[in-house]
Amino acid sequence: MSQTSEPKSNSSDSLKPGWEKDTIEKILLASISEQRSARRWGIFFKLVFLVLIVLGALQSSGSFPGRMSKDGGSPHTAVIDVAGMIAPGQPASSDNIIQGLRDAVDDHNTKGIILRMNTPGGSPVQSAYVWEEVRRLKKLHPQLPIIAVVADMCASGGYYIASAADKIYVAPASVVGSIGVIMGGFGFVDSMKLLGVERRVMTSGDHKALMDPFSPVDPVAKAHLQGLMGEIHQQFISAVKQGRGDRIKETPDMFSGLIWTGDDAVKLGLADDFGDDRHVAEDIIGAKKLVNFNPEDNLFDRLSRSFGASVGEALAESTLFKNTLH
């Protein structure tokens, strides 16, 4: 019995005629589509960049709208929070506090300013900048009261700032004072010996490594640093005495770095009376409504962050899409 076998199919026979042309066309179309997409993204980025430049220029020139009263024209007490560490880049940096003070003064509906203090202190330089600005504004606007109101704590650099105000109000349990200067560090010299580790440090200058925690204390450098801190301490004391005047009932340990309760601070003349921000606004300044003048991010900064987030999301989605295709 004869068997008929079907011819084996050749793999090349399964390809349609002209497949090379179709493949080339698809590659070209994909390339053109990708170029168009790249052009569109390029135009989009350029337009957004141009808008950001224009907004930034308007913001820096002060001609951007939004410099009107924060309270729609009614009399108010301006509040500026001095909260947390006083340091560059922090919410309680001198730049932020000073900007808030200037904005509050420029608002013709501001009847008084409250510095709402709740800080352990921080940089003496930042604190001195704010102290100087408060004193400057008081000279320019003597009729505008600037009052410090202490919540939980007003210590060190915080009290440096508060001492420039017309008055300081506290709660009986507030922590006030710490009029001193500190510089801290660690020493690991003995630990290095126990571990058998040799410290190798090279410097140009005999005292360049004066704060190196792995080297013995340099007595010359230590004396120099102590002198610097003493000088800064005297500047602090001088600022407090200028700000508080004869209200201070000075004691031998007043400027030793000790802290006091609000109750003791009033007795010592470091504070004037008891009261919170609402009491001060209504009964002392005479404008019950509180309006916060802490600087907010300007429109340029907000758009920049939003734009950056949008671009990041777009790039992530694009990368995910391409990875899925491949």
Foldseek 3Di string as FASTA:
>chain_A
DDDDDDDDDDPVVVDDPPVVVVVVVVVVVVVVVVVVVVVVVVVVVVVLVVVLVVQVVCVVVVNDPDLADPVVDAAAAEEEEQAEEADPPDLNDLVQRLQLVVSLVPHPSHLEYEYEYHYQYYDLVRLVSLLVSLLVVCVVCVRHFYAYEYEAEQEASSLLNRLSGLFYAYAQQHKYYQLFDDDDAAACQVVCVVVVHDDDDDDDDPCPCQRPRNDDHDVVVVVVVVVVRVVSSVVSVVSNCVSQPPLAQDDPCRNVRDIDGSNVCCVRSSGPYHDHPQCCGCPPSNHNHYDYRRDDDDPSVVSVVVVVVVVVVVVVVVVVVVVVVD
